[in-house]
Protein backbone atom coordinates (compact mmCIF):
# COMPACT_ATOMS: atom_id res chain seq x y z
CA MET A 1 118.72 240.94 20.89
CA THR A 2 115.32 239.64 18.67
CA GLU A 3 115.41 238.84 15.24
CA THR A 4 113.67 241.98 13.98
CA GLU A 5 116.32 243.74 16.27
CA SER A 6 118.75 242.42 14.65
CA HIS A 7 117.10 242.74 10.83
CA GLU A 8 116.72 246.77 12.21
CA GLY A 9 120.19 247.05 12.58
CA TYR A 10 121.58 245.07 9.53
CA PHE A 11 119.21 247.84 7.40
CA ALA A 12 120.30 250.88 10.07
CA ILE A 13 124.47 249.88 8.78
CA ARG A 14 123.17 249.66 5.23
CA ASN A 15 121.11 252.56 4.95
CA SER A 16 121.24 255.43 7.73
CA VAL A 17 123.82 254.70 10.97
CA ALA A 18 123.43 251.94 13.94
CA LEU A 19 125.21 252.00 17.20
CA GLU A 20 127.10 248.66 19.09
CA ASP A 21 128.11 248.35 22.03
CA GLU A 22 131.20 246.53 21.67
CA THR A 23 131.95 243.19 24.03
CA LYS A 24 134.41 241.58 22.72
CA ILE A 25 136.92 244.74 20.95
CA GLY A 26 140.34 244.88 23.00
CA CYS A 27 143.12 248.08 23.52
CA LEU A 28 146.22 247.83 24.61
CA LEU A 29 148.24 250.91 24.99
CA ILE A 30 152.31 249.87 24.76
CA ARG A 31 154.31 253.37 25.80
CA GLY A 32 158.78 253.38 26.11
CA ARG A 33 161.37 253.81 24.31
CA GLU A 34 161.29 250.60 22.85
CA ALA A 35 157.65 250.39 21.98
CA PHE A 36 157.94 250.33 18.14
CA LYS A 37 160.72 248.23 18.03
CA LEU A 38 158.51 245.70 20.14
CA LEU A 39 156.07 246.24 17.88
CA ASP A 40 158.17 245.38 14.62
CA GLN A 41 159.33 242.25 16.65
CA ILE A 42 155.84 240.51 16.88
CA CYS A 43 153.52 241.86 13.74
CA PRO A 44 154.32 240.47 10.18
CA CYS A 45 153.67 243.73 8.89
CA ASN A 46 155.85 247.16 8.77
CA VAL A 47 155.02 249.23 11.89
CA PHE A 48 156.43 252.52 10.07
CA LEU A 49 153.56 254.77 11.09
CA GLN A 50 153.11 258.73 11.25
CA ASN A 51 151.50 260.57 14.22
CA GLY A 52 147.65 259.29 13.93
CA GLN A 53 147.87 256.92 11.39
CA MET A 54 146.64 253.15 11.89
CA LYS A 55 147.23 250.20 9.70
CA HIS A 56 145.31 246.53 9.67
CA THR A 57 147.26 243.66 10.10
CA LEU A 58 147.46 240.16 12.26
CA LEU A 59 149.10 238.46 15.07
CA LEU A 60 150.44 234.88 14.50
CA ASP A 61 150.56 231.81 16.47
CA GLU A 62 153.19 228.98 15.96
CA LYS A 63 151.48 227.33 13.02
CA ALA A 64 151.12 231.06 11.09
CA VAL A 65 147.17 230.77 12.17
CA PRO A 66 145.82 234.11 12.59
CA PHE A 67 144.63 234.66 16.35
CA ALA A 68 144.14 238.67 16.30
CA ASP A 69 142.33 240.84 14.29
CA ILE A 70 143.91 244.61 14.84
CA TYR A 71 144.84 247.72 13.90
CA VAL A 72 148.47 248.88 14.77
CA CYS A 73 147.76 253.27 16.12
CA ARG A 74 150.27 255.60 16.51
CA HIS A 75 149.59 258.44 18.88
CA ARG A 76 152.98 260.83 19.31
CA GLU A 77 155.57 257.81 21.10
CA ASP A 78 152.79 255.43 21.99
CA ALA A 79 151.23 252.45 20.40
CA TYR A 80 147.75 251.04 20.40
CA LEU A 81 146.83 247.83 19.17
CA LEU A 82 143.01 247.66 18.98
CA GLY A 83 141.06 244.52 17.79
CA TYR A 84 139.89 241.06 18.23
CA TRP A 85 141.30 238.29 19.79
CA THR A 86 140.95 234.88 21.05
CA ALA A 87 139.15 235.96 24.80
CA SER A 88 140.67 232.84 26.71
CA PHE A 89 144.09 234.23 25.14
CA ASN A 90 146.11 236.43 26.92
CA LEU A 91 147.63 238.79 24.87
CA VAL A 92 149.95 240.94 27.35
CA ASP A 93 151.76 237.57 28.16
CA TRP A 94 151.98 236.43 24.56
CA ILE A 95 154.20 239.82 23.85
CA LYS A 96 156.66 239.12 26.67
CA GLN A 97 156.94 236.18 25.36
CA ASN A 98 157.92 237.06 21.86
CA GLN A 99 159.61 240.54 23.03
CA GLY A 100 163.04 239.62 21.66
CA SER A 101 165.78 242.09 22.45
CA SER A 102 163.05 244.80 23.37
CA SER A 103 162.14 245.10 27.02
CA ASP A 104 162.00 249.18 27.83
CA TYR A 105 157.95 249.37 27.18
CA SER A 106 155.06 248.76 29.13
CA VAL A 107 151.36 247.62 28.27
CA ILE A 108 148.41 249.04 29.63
CA ASP A 109 145.48 246.86 28.93
CA LEU A 110 142.85 249.81 28.45
CA SER A 111 140.14 247.65 28.17
CA GLU A 112 139.64 247.46 31.99
CA SER A 113 138.75 250.90 32.29
CA ASN A 114 137.60 251.78 28.53
CA CYS A 115 134.83 251.21 26.66
CA VAL A 116 134.36 251.06 22.81
CA LEU A 117 130.87 252.29 21.48
CA THR A 118 131.39 251.81 17.51
CA LEU A 119 128.57 253.29 14.65
CA ASN A 120 128.52 251.98 11.75
CA GLY A 121 126.74 253.20 8.41
CA PRO A 122 126.70 256.01 5.26
CA TYR A 123 125.56 258.75 8.01
CA ALA A 124 128.19 257.91 10.59
CA TRP A 125 130.26 260.53 9.91
CA GLU A 126 127.59 263.07 10.06
CA LEU A 127 126.83 261.75 13.46
CA CYS A 128 130.44 261.85 14.85
CA ALA A 129 130.76 265.28 13.08
CA LYS A 130 127.49 266.19 15.40
CA ALA A 131 128.05 264.61 18.68
CA ILE A 132 131.88 264.94 19.00
CA GLY A 133 132.81 267.66 16.73
CA ALA A 134 133.23 268.42 13.18
CA GLU A 135 137.31 267.61 13.32
CA ILE A 136 136.01 264.30 13.05
CA LEU A 137 134.97 265.41 9.13
CA GLY A 138 138.90 265.77 8.54
CA MET A 139 139.73 262.16 9.80
CA PRO A 140 140.97 260.20 6.61
CA TYR A 141 140.48 256.11 6.60
CA LEU A 142 142.30 254.11 9.11
CA SER A 143 143.29 257.18 11.18
CA MET A 144 143.02 258.25 15.14
CA MET A 145 142.56 261.17 16.93
CA PRO A 146 142.46 261.74 20.33
CA LEU A 147 139.72 263.53 22.52
CA ILE A 148 139.69 265.72 25.56
CA SER A 149 137.94 262.32 27.43
CA GLY A 150 138.66 259.44 25.16
CA THR A 151 139.88 258.47 21.40
CA VAL A 152 138.78 258.08 18.12
CA PHE A 153 139.50 255.39 15.70
CA ARG A 154 138.34 255.26 12.18
CA ALA A 155 138.22 252.15 10.50
CA GLY A 156 135.30 250.06 9.69
CA VAL A 157 134.17 246.30 8.40
CA THR A 158 131.03 246.43 6.65
CA GLY A 159 131.66 248.57 3.53
CA GLU A 160 130.25 251.92 5.03
CA TYR A 161 131.78 254.54 7.77
CA GLY A 162 133.00 253.05 10.91
CA TYR A 163 134.03 255.08 13.90
CA HIS A 164 135.55 252.92 16.99
CA LEU A 165 134.50 255.27 20.15
CA MET A 166 136.41 254.53 23.01
CA VAL A 167 135.66 256.05 26.24
CA PRO A 168 135.87 255.56 30.02
CA ALA A 169 133.79 252.90 31.41
CA GLU A 170 132.17 255.08 33.94
CA GLU A 171 131.05 257.58 30.98
CA LYS A 172 129.39 254.97 28.94
CA ASN A 173 125.89 255.48 29.44
CA ASN A 174 126.46 259.31 29.11
CA TRP A 175 128.00 258.80 25.93
CA ILE A 176 125.55 256.32 24.43
CA GLU A 177 122.88 258.88 25.41
CA ILE A 178 124.72 261.63 23.26
CA LEU A 179 124.95 259.83 20.50
CA VAL A 180 121.28 258.15 20.52
CA ASN A 181 119.68 262.00 20.60
CA ALA A 182 122.06 262.76 17.84
CA GLY A 183 120.96 260.11 16.08
CA MET A 184 117.40 260.55 16.03
CA SER A 185 117.86 262.22 13.17
CA PHE A 186 119.46 259.80 11.25
CA ASN A 187 117.44 256.80 12.27
CA LEU A 188 119.68 254.72 14.11
CA ALA A 189 119.37 251.52 15.44
CA VAL A 190 121.09 250.29 18.32
CA THR A 191 122.28 246.82 17.57
CA ASP A 192 124.41 244.05 18.29
CA ARG A 193 127.66 242.01 16.45
CA THR A 194 125.26 239.74 14.69
CA ALA A 195 124.60 242.42 12.15
CA ARG A 196 127.91 244.12 11.79
CA ALA A 197 129.10 240.17 10.85
CA GLN A 198 126.73 240.01 8.62
CA CYS A 199 127.42 242.86 6.69
CA SER A 200 131.09 242.28 7.20
CA LEU A 201 130.16 238.84 5.28
CA GLU A 202 128.38 240.67 2.58
CA ASN A 203 131.56 243.13 1.59
CA PHE A 204 134.48 240.23 2.12
CA PHE A 205 135.68 241.50 5.47
CA PHE A 206 137.86 238.98 7.28
CA ASP A 207 136.45 238.14 10.79
CA ILE A 208 138.26 236.21 13.28
CA ASP A 209 135.15 234.66 14.75
CA ARG A 210 134.39 233.30 10.90
CA GLU A 211 137.15 232.27 8.66
CA GLY A 212 139.38 232.45 11.57
CA GLN A 213 138.23 229.62 12.86
CA TYR A 214 139.19 227.50 10.06
CA GLN A 215 142.93 227.38 11.28
CA LEU A 216 143.85 228.67 8.10
CA THR A 217 147.28 230.90 6.99
CA PRO A 218 146.93 234.74 5.64
CA PRO A 219 147.30 233.18 2.08
CA GLU A 220 145.14 230.64 2.43
CA LEU A 221 142.44 233.47 3.76
CA GLN A 222 144.06 235.65 0.68
CA LEU A 223 145.03 238.33 3.35
CA GLN A 224 148.91 238.19 2.44
CA TRP A 225 148.47 242.22 2.08
CA ARG A 226 148.14 242.50 6.30
CA LEU A 227 151.81 241.02 5.75
CA SER A 228 155.09 242.49 4.98
CA ARG A 229 157.31 240.91 2.28
CA GLN A 230 160.43 242.44 3.38
CA LYS A 231 160.37 240.98 7.11
CA THR A 232 160.58 237.44 7.51
CA GLU A 233 161.51 237.24 11.15
CA TYR A 234 157.85 237.45 13.26
CA PRO A 235 156.34 234.96 15.09
CA GLY A 236 154.34 232.60 12.68
CA SER A 237 156.94 233.42 9.92
CA GLY A 238 158.83 230.08 10.82
């Protein structure tokens, strides 16, 4: 993407809406009787969630340095881990290594069969309502909602409205066409991670590919709010 296109994406995030084809975001589905027991074992935050709720947290290495910037999400008795982690890191293996006494669960890497399209900008909510359905308007910040074919996660790291739309990979081009057509009246721009990264920097959102490279702990990054003061046993707590 050219510098001009990146600038257009930046201004779209700030003034209208921008569409990004996410290539670095990952999503794991964890299901089974002990799915949330497992999450409580590996996450430094409390994972008490109502159906449809999401919580922003981190995963830490043995030195208490974040290697993953994730949302823990709940849909009925299933859990989702949605977010960003080092590309060379096998998160599924790490989970198994840190499962503790949890064994009745399974992990499915949804990234292998799905793609994520992200909308950011002050009119992202209106575009989503037009392209997906009016039920989007009732989604509070940090919530998820299943669709007939896919899932919508409402999050955002730019200071504007943000939605992640996870859909089957074979439907990706169709969804891009739907969103682009619906976004014409909102001056939608198709952009890349560069524009979003600039916006998140300006609004003091943590970026695993930026601040995450400094080998600092959550308190040093002023991210202690993503941890629980009540928890003392989790990977990196030592």
